[in-house]
Every structure is written in structure tokens, then in C-alpha cells.
N, C-alpha and C. Protein backbone atom coordinates (compact mmCIF):
# COMPACT_ATOMS: atom_id res chain seq x y z
N MET A 1 6.50 -9.50 30.79
CA MET A 1 5.63 -8.37 30.51
C MET A 1 4.19 -8.87 30.50
N SER A 2 3.33 -8.14 31.15
CA SER A 2 1.92 -8.53 31.21
C SER A 2 1.25 -8.31 29.85
N ASP A 3 0.11 -8.96 29.65
CA ASP A 3 -0.65 -8.78 28.41
C ASP A 3 -1.03 -7.32 28.18
N PRO A 4 -1.56 -6.61 29.20
CA PRO A 4 -1.91 -5.21 28.97
C PRO A 4 -0.69 -4.34 28.63
N ALA A 5 0.44 -4.60 29.27
CA ALA A 5 1.65 -3.82 28.97
C ALA A 5 2.12 -4.09 27.54
N PHE A 6 2.11 -5.36 27.15
CA PHE A 6 2.48 -5.69 25.77
C PHE A 6 1.54 -5.00 24.78
N ASP A 7 0.25 -5.10 25.03
CA ASP A 7 -0.73 -4.51 24.12
C ASP A 7 -0.50 -3.01 23.99
N THR A 8 -0.27 -2.33 25.09
CA THR A 8 -0.05 -0.88 25.06
C THR A 8 1.19 -0.53 24.26
N LYS A 9 2.28 -1.24 24.50
CA LYS A 9 3.55 -0.93 23.82
C LYS A 9 3.49 -1.30 22.33
N ALA A 10 2.93 -2.43 22.01
CA ALA A 10 2.84 -2.84 20.61
C ALA A 10 1.89 -1.93 19.84
N GLU A 11 0.78 -1.59 20.44
CA GLU A 11 -0.19 -0.69 19.79
C GLU A 11 0.44 0.68 19.55
N ALA A 12 1.20 1.18 20.52
CA ALA A 12 1.87 2.47 20.36
C ALA A 12 2.88 2.42 19.22
N GLU A 13 3.63 1.32 19.13
CA GLU A 13 4.62 1.18 18.05
C GLU A 13 3.94 1.14 16.69
N LEU A 14 2.91 0.34 16.55
CA LEU A 14 2.21 0.24 15.27
C LEU A 14 1.53 1.56 14.90
N ASN A 15 0.95 2.22 15.88
CA ASN A 15 0.31 3.51 15.62
C ASN A 15 1.33 4.55 15.16
N ASP A 16 2.48 4.60 15.83
CA ASP A 16 3.52 5.54 15.44
C ASP A 16 4.04 5.23 14.04
N LEU A 17 4.25 3.96 13.75
CA LEU A 17 4.69 3.58 12.40
C LEU A 17 3.66 3.99 11.36
N ALA A 18 2.39 3.78 11.64
CA ALA A 18 1.34 4.16 10.69
C ALA A 18 1.38 5.65 10.41
N GLU A 19 1.53 6.46 11.47
CA GLU A 19 1.58 7.91 11.28
C GLU A 19 2.80 8.33 10.47
N ARG A 20 3.95 7.73 10.76
CA ARG A 20 5.17 8.07 10.02
C ARG A 20 5.08 7.63 8.56
N LEU A 21 4.52 6.46 8.33
CA LEU A 21 4.39 5.97 6.96
C LEU A 21 3.42 6.82 6.14
N GLU A 22 2.38 7.32 6.79
CA GLU A 22 1.40 8.18 6.09
C GLU A 22 2.08 9.41 5.49
N THR A 23 3.09 9.93 6.18
CA THR A 23 3.76 11.14 5.71
C THR A 23 5.08 10.85 5.00
N ALA A 24 5.56 9.61 5.04
CA ALA A 24 6.86 9.27 4.47
C ALA A 24 6.88 9.32 2.95
N SER A 25 5.77 8.93 2.32
CA SER A 25 5.71 8.92 0.86
C SER A 25 4.25 8.90 0.43
N ASP A 26 3.94 9.69 -0.57
CA ASP A 26 2.57 9.69 -1.08
C ASP A 26 2.31 8.49 -1.98
N ARG A 27 3.31 7.64 -2.17
CA ARG A 27 3.16 6.46 -3.01
C ARG A 27 2.78 5.21 -2.21
N LEU A 28 2.67 5.34 -0.90
CA LEU A 28 2.29 4.23 -0.04
C LEU A 28 0.83 4.35 0.36
N GLU A 29 0.13 3.24 0.35
CA GLU A 29 -1.23 3.18 0.89
C GLU A 29 -1.12 2.54 2.27
N VAL A 30 -1.51 3.27 3.29
CA VAL A 30 -1.33 2.83 4.67
C VAL A 30 -2.70 2.71 5.34
N ASP A 31 -2.93 1.57 5.99
CA ASP A 31 -4.18 1.36 6.71
C ASP A 31 -3.86 0.72 8.06
N PHE A 32 -4.34 1.36 9.13
CA PHE A 32 -4.14 0.81 10.47
C PHE A 32 -5.51 0.66 11.09
N ASP A 33 -5.92 -0.60 11.30
CA ASP A 33 -7.25 -0.88 11.81
C ASP A 33 -7.22 -2.13 12.67
N ALA A 34 -7.80 -2.04 13.84
CA ALA A 34 -7.94 -3.18 14.75
C ALA A 34 -6.61 -3.89 15.03
N GLY A 35 -5.54 -3.10 15.20
CA GLY A 35 -4.24 -3.67 15.53
C GLY A 35 -3.47 -4.23 14.36
N ASN A 36 -3.99 -4.09 13.15
CA ASN A 36 -3.30 -4.56 11.94
C ASN A 36 -2.88 -3.36 11.10
N LEU A 37 -1.60 -3.32 10.77
CA LEU A 37 -1.06 -2.26 9.92
C LEU A 37 -0.73 -2.86 8.56
N THR A 38 -1.35 -2.31 7.53
CA THR A 38 -1.12 -2.77 6.17
C THR A 38 -0.50 -1.63 5.38
N VAL A 39 0.57 -1.94 4.65
CA VAL A 39 1.25 -0.96 3.82
C VAL A 39 1.33 -1.54 2.41
N GLU A 40 0.68 -0.86 1.47
CA GLU A 40 0.66 -1.35 0.10
C GLU A 40 1.56 -0.50 -0.78
N LEU A 41 2.39 -1.19 -1.57
CA LEU A 41 3.31 -0.55 -2.51
C LEU A 41 2.61 -0.30 -3.84
N PRO A 42 3.15 0.63 -4.63
CA PRO A 42 2.55 0.90 -5.93
C PRO A 42 2.48 -0.33 -6.85
N ASP A 43 3.43 -1.27 -6.69
CA ASP A 43 3.44 -2.47 -7.54
C ASP A 43 2.49 -3.56 -7.04
N GLY A 44 1.76 -3.27 -5.96
CA GLY A 44 0.81 -4.24 -5.42
C GLY A 44 1.35 -5.06 -4.27
N GLY A 45 2.66 -4.99 -4.01
CA GLY A 45 3.22 -5.70 -2.87
C GLY A 45 2.65 -5.14 -1.59
N GLN A 46 2.51 -6.00 -0.59
CA GLN A 46 1.84 -5.59 0.64
C GLN A 46 2.59 -6.08 1.87
N TYR A 47 2.81 -5.17 2.80
CA TYR A 47 3.39 -5.49 4.10
C TYR A 47 2.24 -5.57 5.10
N LEU A 48 2.32 -6.53 6.00
CA LEU A 48 1.33 -6.65 7.06
C LEU A 48 2.07 -6.77 8.38
N LEU A 49 1.70 -5.92 9.32
CA LEU A 49 2.28 -5.95 10.66
C LEU A 49 1.13 -6.11 11.65
N ASN A 50 1.35 -6.98 12.65
CA ASN A 50 0.33 -7.14 13.68
C ASN A 50 0.94 -7.66 14.97
N LYS A 51 0.14 -7.60 16.02
CA LYS A 51 0.57 -8.05 17.34
C LYS A 51 0.32 -9.55 17.46
N HIS A 52 1.29 -10.26 18.02
CA HIS A 52 1.11 -11.68 18.30
C HIS A 52 1.21 -11.86 19.81
N TYR A 53 0.04 -12.02 20.43
CA TYR A 53 -0.05 -12.02 21.89
C TYR A 53 0.66 -13.18 22.56
N ILE A 54 0.58 -14.36 22.00
CA ILE A 54 1.15 -15.54 22.67
C ILE A 54 2.64 -15.37 22.91
N HIS A 55 3.34 -14.85 21.91
CA HIS A 55 4.80 -14.68 22.02
C HIS A 55 5.20 -13.27 22.41
N ARG A 56 4.22 -12.37 22.53
CA ARG A 56 4.46 -10.96 22.83
C ARG A 56 5.44 -10.37 21.82
N GLN A 57 5.10 -10.52 20.56
CA GLN A 57 5.92 -10.04 19.46
C GLN A 57 5.07 -9.25 18.48
N ILE A 58 5.75 -8.45 17.67
CA ILE A 58 5.13 -7.87 16.49
C ILE A 58 5.61 -8.70 15.32
N TRP A 59 4.68 -9.14 14.52
CA TRP A 59 5.02 -9.94 13.35
C TRP A 59 4.89 -9.09 12.10
N LEU A 60 5.83 -9.30 11.19
CA LEU A 60 5.85 -8.60 9.91
C LEU A 60 5.85 -9.62 8.79
N SER A 61 4.95 -9.45 7.86
CA SER A 61 4.95 -10.23 6.63
C SER A 61 5.38 -9.29 5.51
N SER A 62 6.50 -9.61 4.87
CA SER A 62 7.08 -8.76 3.84
C SER A 62 7.02 -9.43 2.49
N PRO A 63 6.63 -8.70 1.44
CA PRO A 63 6.65 -9.28 0.10
C PRO A 63 8.07 -9.43 -0.45
N ARG A 64 9.04 -8.83 0.23
CA ARG A 64 10.44 -8.87 -0.21
C ARG A 64 11.26 -9.93 0.52
N SER A 65 11.04 -10.05 1.84
CA SER A 65 11.92 -10.92 2.62
C SER A 65 11.19 -11.95 3.48
N GLY A 66 9.89 -12.03 3.36
CA GLY A 66 9.15 -13.05 4.09
C GLY A 66 8.74 -12.61 5.48
N ALA A 67 8.67 -13.58 6.37
CA ALA A 67 8.16 -13.35 7.73
C ALA A 67 9.29 -12.98 8.68
N HIS A 68 8.97 -12.06 9.58
CA HIS A 68 9.90 -11.63 10.63
C HIS A 68 9.12 -11.48 11.93
N HIS A 69 9.80 -11.75 13.03
CA HIS A 69 9.21 -11.59 14.36
C HIS A 69 10.10 -10.64 15.15
N PHE A 70 9.49 -9.72 15.90
CA PHE A 70 10.23 -8.71 16.65
C PHE A 70 9.79 -8.71 18.10
N GLU A 71 10.78 -8.70 19.00
CA GLU A 71 10.52 -8.65 20.43
C GLU A 71 11.02 -7.33 20.99
N LEU A 72 10.35 -6.84 22.00
CA LEU A 72 10.73 -5.58 22.62
C LEU A 72 12.01 -5.79 23.42
N ASP A 73 13.02 -4.96 23.11
CA ASP A 73 14.31 -4.98 23.79
C ASP A 73 14.60 -3.54 24.21
N GLY A 74 14.27 -3.21 25.44
CA GLY A 74 14.38 -1.82 25.87
C GLY A 74 13.30 -1.00 25.17
N ALA A 75 13.74 -0.06 24.32
CA ALA A 75 12.79 0.78 23.59
C ALA A 75 12.65 0.35 22.12
N LEU A 76 13.39 -0.69 21.71
CA LEU A 76 13.41 -1.10 20.31
C LEU A 76 12.78 -2.48 20.11
N TRP A 77 12.10 -2.65 19.01
CA TRP A 77 11.57 -3.96 18.63
C TRP A 77 12.62 -4.62 17.75
N ARG A 78 13.31 -5.63 18.28
CA ARG A 78 14.42 -6.30 17.60
C ARG A 78 13.98 -7.63 16.99
N SER A 79 14.58 -7.93 15.83
CA SER A 79 14.30 -9.18 15.13
C SER A 79 14.77 -10.36 15.97
N THR A 80 14.02 -11.44 15.92
CA THR A 80 14.41 -12.66 16.60
C THR A 80 15.35 -13.50 15.74
N ARG A 81 15.59 -13.08 14.49
CA ARG A 81 16.44 -13.88 13.60
C ARG A 81 17.55 -13.09 12.92
N GLY A 82 17.85 -11.92 13.42
CA GLY A 82 18.92 -11.13 12.82
C GLY A 82 19.17 -9.85 13.57
N PRO A 83 20.06 -9.03 13.05
CA PRO A 83 20.47 -7.82 13.76
C PRO A 83 19.53 -6.62 13.59
N HIS A 84 18.48 -6.77 12.83
CA HIS A 84 17.63 -5.63 12.49
C HIS A 84 16.64 -5.29 13.59
N THR A 85 16.25 -4.02 13.58
CA THR A 85 15.09 -3.62 14.35
C THR A 85 13.93 -3.53 13.36
N LEU A 86 12.74 -3.50 13.89
CA LEU A 86 11.55 -3.39 13.04
C LEU A 86 11.65 -2.17 12.13
N ARG A 87 11.99 -1.04 12.70
CA ARG A 87 12.04 0.20 11.92
C ARG A 87 13.14 0.21 10.87
N THR A 88 14.33 -0.31 11.22
CA THR A 88 15.41 -0.29 10.23
C THR A 88 15.12 -1.24 9.07
N LEU A 89 14.59 -2.42 9.36
CA LEU A 89 14.27 -3.36 8.29
C LEU A 89 13.17 -2.82 7.39
N LEU A 90 12.10 -2.32 7.98
CA LEU A 90 10.99 -1.81 7.20
C LEU A 90 11.41 -0.59 6.37
N ALA A 91 12.16 0.31 6.96
CA ALA A 91 12.62 1.50 6.24
C ALA A 91 13.53 1.12 5.07
N ALA A 92 14.43 0.18 5.29
CA ALA A 92 15.35 -0.25 4.23
C ALA A 92 14.59 -0.89 3.07
N GLU A 93 13.65 -1.76 3.39
CA GLU A 93 12.89 -2.43 2.33
C GLU A 93 12.00 -1.45 1.56
N LEU A 94 11.33 -0.56 2.27
CA LEU A 94 10.48 0.41 1.59
C LEU A 94 11.30 1.39 0.76
N SER A 95 12.45 1.80 1.27
CA SER A 95 13.33 2.69 0.51
C SER A 95 13.78 2.04 -0.79
N ALA A 96 14.17 0.78 -0.71
CA ALA A 96 14.60 0.05 -1.91
C ALA A 96 13.45 -0.13 -2.90
N ALA A 97 12.28 -0.44 -2.39
CA ALA A 97 11.13 -0.67 -3.26
C ALA A 97 10.67 0.60 -3.96
N LEU A 98 10.75 1.72 -3.27
CA LEU A 98 10.26 2.98 -3.83
C LEU A 98 11.33 3.80 -4.54
N GLY A 99 12.61 3.48 -4.27
CA GLY A 99 13.69 4.27 -4.86
C GLY A 99 13.79 5.65 -4.23
N GLU A 100 13.36 5.77 -2.99
CA GLU A 100 13.45 7.03 -2.24
C GLU A 100 13.71 6.69 -0.79
N THR A 101 14.27 7.65 -0.06
CA THR A 101 14.59 7.39 1.34
C THR A 101 13.34 7.47 2.21
N ILE A 102 13.13 6.41 2.96
CA ILE A 102 12.04 6.35 3.93
C ILE A 102 12.68 6.35 5.31
N ASP A 103 12.34 7.33 6.12
CA ASP A 103 12.89 7.45 7.48
C ASP A 103 11.77 7.19 8.47
N LEU A 104 11.93 6.17 9.28
CA LEU A 104 10.91 5.82 10.27
C LEU A 104 11.34 6.15 11.69
N GLY A 105 12.41 6.94 11.80
CA GLY A 105 12.85 7.42 13.13
C GLY A 105 13.52 6.41 13.98
């Protein structure tokens, strides 16, 4: 995948996640700026998602489970170290942290 194609697809994924998170719960603070998506929990925990150009991955830093790397597999961003997709992992962790269902589509 070329750099421009990666940038377009990763940016679209992060932008869509930001929009969904904004409406998923009023208890989340969501900021998407310059390719970095930050999600802050009420307890101060913070998720950071960003594009990593060298490996063409989206990286996630989680206060619950640490670092994760996701590669595009068809239409899904899949973990390089487990069976999760970016959306399923993030939704599961946020749901557990907030005690409410978070659906990221």
C-alpha cells in the first residue's frame, strides 16, 4: 500500500472512530487533531491512537492493556498480536471502564 493510500485509509478510520466516540457516551472526552485521537476516561485514564507510517499501522496506547498495533486486513484494522480488531478491542475496553455498552460499529 502506498503512503497516500495508507494515510487516507488510516485517517478515515480515526475520523470515523472519533465521530462515533463523540456520540457513544457523554462521559468520554474525545479529541482528534493532526492525526492523533485521544480519548479520556472519567477516571483520568487516556487512550491514544495514531498513524504509524513506517509500518503502515494504527497504534493504540491503552491505560488498561498497554500498546497494540493494527494493520489493515481488507476493511478491518486487525491486531498484530491477537484476534481483535481495533474497534472490538476499543469498544470492549471502554464498555468495561464505563460500565455501559459502547458500540463502535
